[in-house]
Amino acid sequence: MAALLALSRPGPSESGLLDCFIHRKAYSVPSELKNNEALLAILDETRGVPVFQEQFFDIFTKVAGLSPERAIHWVRDTRPLKEDSGVEALYDDLKQGGCSRREANAIIDFIEVPIRYAFSKGHALDYATIGYTTAWLRLNYLNTWFHTVVNDSMIRYTNKFDLLKSLLELGVEIYGVEYD
């Protein structure tokens, strides 16, 4: 659920990452990296699609051999990858990490698009928890859940009768106000 939320944004959706994830199609891995056990293990939790910043950090450290300091630099600031000088700087880092030019090209080709949309796994898990909890509360405590929604909406909603009609159609019990 966290990976789906991280990919359900305009950038990942337009780049095809969301479709790869939903249809269980692995994101296109260059042939030089297809047999890399470390990369396959990193991508296993997200169906072969790189989604989270933590995955890119692991790709840089475990697959490319970068130091954690250099890996976090490239994960946090992807702007240089849009410029030739930035790509060359990444090549230099990858070569220092022990990659050949061919391996470095494969890694850059693999991460170039998805790293722009990398999402923090912690944030995705938090959003997933909030979404699940909200859905659970709505399912199990419909009247209580709508209490907050209705109180807020009654102030802002221009057509209060449509709001009340919609709530009744959903099965929400509406009680009149009691006066002493």
C-alpha atoms as a PDB file:
ATOM      1  CA  MET A   1       0.000   0.000   0.000  1.00  0.00           C
ATOM      2  CA  ALA A   2       2.891   2.376   0.801  1.00  0.00           C
ATOM      3  CA  ALA A   3       4.515   1.805  -2.602  1.00  0.00           C
ATOM      4  CA  LEU A   4       1.185   2.346  -4.352  1.00  0.00           C
ATOM      5  CA  LEU A   5       0.681   5.646  -2.517  1.00  0.00           C
ATOM      6  CA  ALA A   6       4.232   6.752  -3.352  1.00  0.00           C
ATOM      7  CA  LEU A   7       3.613   6.014  -7.037  1.00  0.00           C
ATOM      8  CA  SER A   8       0.112   7.546  -7.183  1.00  0.00           C
ATOM      9  CA  ARG A   9       1.359  11.001  -8.017  1.00  0.00           C
ATOM     10  CA  PRO A  10       1.544  12.765 -11.392  1.00  0.00           C
ATOM     11  CA  GLY A  11       5.270  12.221 -12.044  1.00  0.00           C
ATOM     12  CA  PRO A  12       5.479   8.474 -11.411  1.00  0.00           C
ATOM     13  CA  SER A  13       2.149   7.939 -13.127  1.00  0.00           C
ATOM     14  CA  GLU A  14       3.175   9.845 -16.276  1.00  0.00           C
ATOM     15  CA  SER A  15       6.572   8.127 -16.426  1.00  0.00           C
ATOM     16  CA  GLY A  16       4.996   4.653 -16.452  1.00  0.00           C
ATOM     17  CA  LEU A  17       6.297   3.575 -13.038  1.00  0.00           C
ATOM     18  CA  LEU A  18       2.781   3.185 -11.621  1.00  0.00           C
ATOM     19  CA  ASP A  19       1.710   0.950 -14.523  1.00  0.00           C
ATOM     20  CA  CYS A  20       4.814  -1.232 -14.079  1.00  0.00           C
ATOM     21  CA  PHE A  21       3.965  -1.659 -10.401  1.00  0.00           C
ATOM     22  CA  ILE A  22       0.244  -2.327 -10.857  1.00  0.00           C
ATOM     23  CA  HIS A  23       0.664  -4.840 -13.664  1.00  0.00           C
ATOM     24  CA  ARG A  24       3.609  -6.519 -11.893  1.00  0.00           C
ATOM     25  CA  LYS A  25       5.891  -5.656 -14.782  1.00  0.00           C
ATOM     26  CA  ALA A  26       9.430  -5.051 -13.633  1.00  0.00           C
ATOM     27  CA  TYR A  27      10.875  -1.693 -14.501  1.00  0.00           C
ATOM     28  CA  SER A  28      13.322  -2.109 -17.381  1.00  0.00           C
ATOM     29  CA  VAL A  29      16.639  -3.258 -15.894  1.00  0.00           C
ATOM     30  CA  PRO A  30      19.659  -2.929 -18.216  1.00  0.00           C
ATOM     31  CA  SER A  31      21.166  -6.291 -19.210  1.00  0.00           C
ATOM     32  CA  GLU A  32      24.381  -5.466 -17.308  1.00  0.00           C
ATOM     33  CA  LEU A  33      22.381  -5.429 -14.054  1.00  0.00           C
ATOM     34  CA  LYS A  34      19.831  -8.233 -14.632  1.00  0.00           C
ATOM     35  CA  ASN A  35      21.869 -10.818 -12.699  1.00  0.00           C
ATOM     36  CA  ASN A  36      22.900  -8.516  -9.873  1.00  0.00           C
ATOM     37  CA  GLU A  37      21.579 -10.276  -6.758  1.00  0.00           C
ATOM     38  CA  ALA A  38      21.949  -7.161  -4.593  1.00  0.00           C
ATOM     39  CA  LEU A  39      19.821  -5.093  -6.991  1.00  0.00           C
ATOM     40  CA  LEU A  40      17.159  -7.788  -7.268  1.00  0.00           C
ATOM     41  CA  ALA A  41      16.940  -8.019  -3.472  1.00  0.00           C
ATOM     42  CA  ILE A  42      16.595  -4.233  -3.175  1.00  0.00           C
ATOM     43  CA  LEU A  43      13.758  -4.152  -5.719  1.00  0.00           C
ATOM     44  CA  ASP A  44      11.934  -7.240  -4.448  1.00  0.00           C
ATOM     45  CA  GLU A  45       9.618  -5.406  -2.018  1.00  0.00           C
ATOM     46  CA  THR A  46       8.317  -3.093  -4.756  1.00  0.00           C
ATOM     47  CA  ARG A  47       7.807  -5.625  -7.556  1.00  0.00           C
ATOM     48  CA  GLY A  48      10.998  -4.672  -9.394  1.00  0.00           C
ATOM     49  CA  VAL A  49      10.159  -0.958  -9.533  1.00  0.00           C
ATOM     50  CA  PRO A  50      12.473   1.456  -7.689  1.00  0.00           C
ATOM     51  CA  VAL A  51      10.163   3.631  -5.586  1.00  0.00           C
ATOM     52  CA  PHE A  52      11.700   4.720  -2.309  1.00  0.00           C
ATOM     53  CA  GLN A  53      14.670   6.972  -1.561  1.00  0.00           C
ATOM     54  CA  GLU A  54      16.006   4.205   0.655  1.00  0.00           C
ATOM     55  CA  GLN A  55      16.130   1.862  -2.339  1.00  0.00           C
ATOM     56  CA  PHE A  56      18.217   4.333  -4.323  1.00  0.00           C
ATOM     57  CA  PHE A  57      20.525   4.745  -1.339  1.00  0.00           C
ATOM     58  CA  ASP A  58      20.950   0.953  -1.278  1.00  0.00           C
ATOM     59  CA  ILE A  59      21.546   0.847  -5.043  1.00  0.00           C
ATOM     60  CA  PHE A  60      24.279   3.450  -4.697  1.00  0.00           C
ATOM     61  CA  THR A  61      25.936   1.765  -1.703  1.00  0.00           C
ATOM     62  CA  LYS A  62      25.375  -1.976  -2.307  1.00  0.00           C
ATOM     63  CA  VAL A  63      25.366  -2.140  -6.106  1.00  0.00           C
ATOM     64  CA  ALA A  64      27.588   0.797  -7.086  1.00  0.00           C
ATOM     65  CA  GLY A  65      29.907   0.797  -4.066  1.00  0.00           C
ATOM     66  CA  LEU A  66      29.502   4.472  -3.148  1.00  0.00           C
ATOM     67  CA  SER A  67      30.122   5.687   0.373  1.00  0.00           C
ATOM     68  CA  PRO A  68      26.983   6.474   2.392  1.00  0.00           C
ATOM     69  CA  GLU A  69      27.871  10.191   2.244  1.00  0.00           C
ATOM     70  CA  ARG A  70      28.032  10.219  -1.576  1.00  0.00           C
ATOM     71  CA  ALA A  71      24.949   8.013  -1.862  1.00  0.00           C
ATOM     72  CA  ILE A  72      22.848  10.331   0.284  1.00  0.00           C
ATOM     73  CA  HIS A  73      24.096  13.293  -1.764  1.00  0.00           C
ATOM     74  CA  TRP A  74      22.747  11.763  -4.985  1.00  0.00           C
ATOM     75  CA  VAL A  75      19.482  10.587  -3.416  1.00  0.00           C
ATOM     76  CA  ARG A  76      18.671  13.966  -1.859  1.00  0.00           C
ATOM     77  CA  ASP A  77      19.658  16.192  -4.762  1.00  0.00           C
ATOM     78  CA  THR A  78      18.808  14.807  -8.190  1.00  0.00           C
ATOM     79  CA  ARG A  79      18.970  18.171  -9.968  1.00  0.00           C
ATOM     80  CA  PRO A  80      22.558  17.620 -11.173  1.00  0.00           C
ATOM     81  CA  LEU A  81      21.427  14.514 -13.075  1.00  0.00           C
ATOM     82  CA  LYS A  82      19.511  16.782 -15.454  1.00  0.00           C
ATOM     83  CA  GLU A  83      22.784  18.392 -16.576  1.00  0.00           C
ATOM     84  CA  ASP A  84      25.698  16.773 -18.413  1.00  0.00           C
ATOM     85  CA  SER A  85      28.165  18.000 -15.781  1.00  0.00           C
ATOM     86  CA  GLY A  86      26.105  16.360 -13.042  1.00  0.00           C
ATOM     87  CA  VAL A  87      25.982  13.060 -14.902  1.00  0.00           C
ATOM     88  CA  GLU A  88      29.779  13.210 -15.317  1.00  0.00           C
ATOM     89  CA  ALA A  89      30.165  13.851 -11.586  1.00  0.00           C
ATOM     90  CA  LEU A  90      28.029  10.768 -10.899  1.00  0.00           C
ATOM     91  CA  TYR A  91      30.173   8.763 -13.356  1.00  0.00           C
ATOM     92  CA  ASP A  92      33.254   9.852 -11.423  1.00  0.00           C
ATOM     93  CA  ASP A  93      31.661   8.787  -8.119  1.00  0.00           C
ATOM     94  CA  LEU A  94      30.614   5.440  -9.573  1.00  0.00           C
ATOM     95  CA  LYS A  95      34.105   4.816 -10.951  1.00  0.00           C
ATOM     96  CA  GLN A  96      35.589   5.607  -7.541  1.00  0.00           C
ATOM     97  CA  GLY A  97      33.134   3.088  -6.099  1.00  0.00           C
ATOM     98  CA  GLY A  98      34.591   0.438  -8.384  1.00  0.00           C
ATOM     99  CA  CYS A  99      32.181   0.469 -11.329  1.00  0.00           C
ATOM    100  CA  SER A 100      33.361   0.173 -14.907  1.00  0.00           C
ATOM    101  CA  ARG A 101      32.125   2.767 -17.401  1.00  0.00           C
ATOM    102  CA  ARG A 102      29.683   0.154 -18.748  1.00  0.00           C
ATOM    103  CA  GLU A 103      28.297  -0.633 -15.275  1.00  0.00           C
ATOM    104  CA  ALA A 104      28.083   3.076 -14.465  1.00  0.00           C
ATOM    105  CA  ASN A 105      26.122   3.688 -17.680  1.00  0.00           C
ATOM    106  CA  ALA A 106      23.772   0.841 -16.793  1.00  0.00           C
ATOM    107  CA  ILE A 107      23.158   2.201 -13.282  1.00  0.00           C
ATOM    108  CA  ILE A 108      22.554   5.740 -14.550  1.00  0.00           C
ATOM    109  CA  ASP A 109      20.223   4.504 -17.301  1.00  0.00           C
ATOM    110  CA  PHE A 110      18.311   2.460 -14.728  1.00  0.00           C
ATOM    111  CA  ILE A 111      17.850   5.200 -12.119  1.00  0.00           C
ATOM    112  CA  GLU A 112      17.658   8.305 -14.303  1.00  0.00           C
ATOM    113  CA  VAL A 113      13.844   8.557 -14.472  1.00  0.00           C
ATOM    114  CA  PRO A 114      12.623   6.925 -11.250  1.00  0.00           C
ATOM    115  CA  ILE A 115      15.033   8.725  -8.922  1.00  0.00           C
ATOM    116  CA  ARG A 116      13.324  12.015  -9.810  1.00  0.00           C
ATOM    117  CA  TYR A 117      10.166  10.692  -8.153  1.00  0.00           C
ATOM    118  CA  ALA A 118      11.696   8.814  -5.223  1.00  0.00           C
ATOM    119  CA  PHE A 119       9.592   9.058  -2.088  1.00  0.00           C
ATOM    120  CA  SER A 120      10.600   8.535   1.512  1.00  0.00           C
ATOM    121  CA  LYS A 121       9.489   5.099   2.657  1.00  0.00           C
ATOM    122  CA  GLY A 122       8.728   6.483   6.124  1.00  0.00           C
ATOM    123  CA  HIS A 123       6.387   9.103   4.683  1.00  0.00           C
ATOM    124  CA  ALA A 124       4.701   6.538   2.455  1.00  0.00           C
ATOM    125  CA  LEU A 125       4.161   4.224   5.419  1.00  0.00           C
ATOM    126  CA  ASP A 126       2.702   7.096   7.454  1.00  0.00           C
ATOM    127  CA  TYR A 127       0.286   8.019   4.648  1.00  0.00           C
ATOM    128  CA  ALA A 128      -0.694   4.369   4.263  1.00  0.00           C
ATOM    129  CA  THR A 129      -1.375   4.100   7.996  1.00  0.00           C
ATOM    130  CA  ILE A 130      -3.512   7.246   7.963  1.00  0.00           C
ATOM    131  CA  GLY A 131      -5.434   6.020   4.910  1.00  0.00           C
ATOM    132  CA  TYR A 132      -6.014   2.564   6.392  1.00  0.00           C
ATOM    133  CA  THR A 133      -7.074   3.970   9.768  1.00  0.00           C
ATOM    134  CA  THR A 134      -9.459   6.427   8.139  1.00  0.00           C
ATOM    135  CA  ALA A 135     -11.041   3.674   6.044  1.00  0.00           C
ATOM    136  CA  TRP A 136     -11.318   1.370   9.064  1.00  0.00           C
ATOM    137  CA  LEU A 137     -12.961   4.085  11.189  1.00  0.00           C
ATOM    138  CA  ARG A 138     -15.404   4.913   8.418  1.00  0.00           C
ATOM    139  CA  LEU A 139     -16.310   1.249   7.992  1.00  0.00           C
ATOM    140  CA  ASN A 140     -16.673   0.407  11.680  1.00  0.00           C
ATOM    141  CA  TYR A 141     -17.823   3.730  13.155  1.00  0.00           C
ATOM    142  CA  LEU A 142     -19.750   5.394  10.346  1.00  0.00           C
ATOM    143  CA  ASN A 143     -21.844   7.746  12.491  1.00  0.00           C
ATOM    144  CA  THR A 144     -18.930   8.814  14.673  1.00  0.00           C
ATOM    145  CA  TRP A 145     -16.653   9.238  11.679  1.00  0.00           C
ATOM    146  CA  PHE A 146     -19.148  11.476   9.884  1.00  0.00           C
ATOM    147  CA  HIS A 147     -19.694  13.563  13.019  1.00  0.00           C
ATOM    148  CA  THR A 148     -16.518  15.533  12.360  1.00  0.00           C
ATOM    149  CA  VAL A 149     -17.142  15.735   8.632  1.00  0.00           C
ATOM    150  CA  VAL A 150     -20.686  17.008   9.087  1.00  0.00           C
ATOM    151  CA  ASN A 151     -19.806  19.567  11.762  1.00  0.00           C
ATOM    152  CA  ASP A 152     -17.115  21.027   9.526  1.00  0.00           C
ATOM    153  CA  SER A 153     -19.170  20.804   6.337  1.00  0.00           C
ATOM    154  CA  MET A 154     -22.296  22.421   7.781  1.00  0.00           C
ATOM    155  CA  ILE A 155     -20.357  25.630   8.172  1.00  0.00           C
ATOM    156  CA  ARG A 156     -18.971  25.630   4.624  1.00  0.00           C
ATOM    157  CA  TYR A 157     -21.461  23.618   2.606  1.00  0.00           C
ATOM    158  CA  THR A 158     -23.713  25.873   0.551  1.00  0.00           C
ATOM    159  CA  ASN A 159     -26.494  23.347   0.030  1.00  0.00           C
ATOM    160  CA  LYS A 160     -26.990  21.658   3.400  1.00  0.00           C
ATOM    161  CA  PHE A 161     -29.963  19.594   2.189  1.00  0.00           C
ATOM    162  CA  ASP A 162     -27.829  17.854  -0.471  1.00  0.00           C
ATOM    163  CA  LEU A 163     -25.235  17.066   2.199  1.00  0.00           C
ATOM    164  CA  LEU A 164     -27.874  15.588   4.527  1.00  0.00           C
ATOM    165  CA  LYS A 165     -29.471  13.630   1.675  1.00  0.00           C
ATOM    166  CA  SER A 166     -26.072  12.141   0.734  1.00  0.00           C
ATOM    167  CA  LEU A 167     -25.416  11.150   4.332  1.00  0.00           C
ATOM    168  CA  LEU A 168     -28.817   9.451   4.626  1.00  0.00           C
ATOM    169  CA  GLU A 169     -28.131   7.516   1.393  1.00  0.00           C
ATOM    170  CA  LEU A 170     -24.876   6.261   2.971  1.00  0.00           C
ATOM    171  CA  GLY A 171     -26.790   4.995   6.000  1.00  0.00           C
ATOM    172  CA  VAL A 172     -25.717   7.663   8.481  1.00  0.00           C
ATOM    173  CA  GLU A 173     -28.267   8.185  11.229  1.00  0.00           C
ATOM    174  CA  ILE A 174     -29.117  11.851  11.712  1.00  0.00           C
ATOM    175  CA  TYR A 175     -30.667  12.995  14.965  1.00  0.00           C
ATOM    176  CA  GLY A 176     -32.337  16.293  15.663  1.00  0.00           C
ATOM    177  CA  VAL A 177     -30.942  18.805  18.120  1.00  0.00           C
ATOM    178  CA  GLU A 178     -32.322  18.540  21.653  1.00  0.00           C
ATOM    179  CA  TYR A 179     -33.164  21.716  23.524  1.00  0.00           C
ATOM    180  CA  ASP A 180     -33.628  21.907  27.287  1.00  0.00           C
END
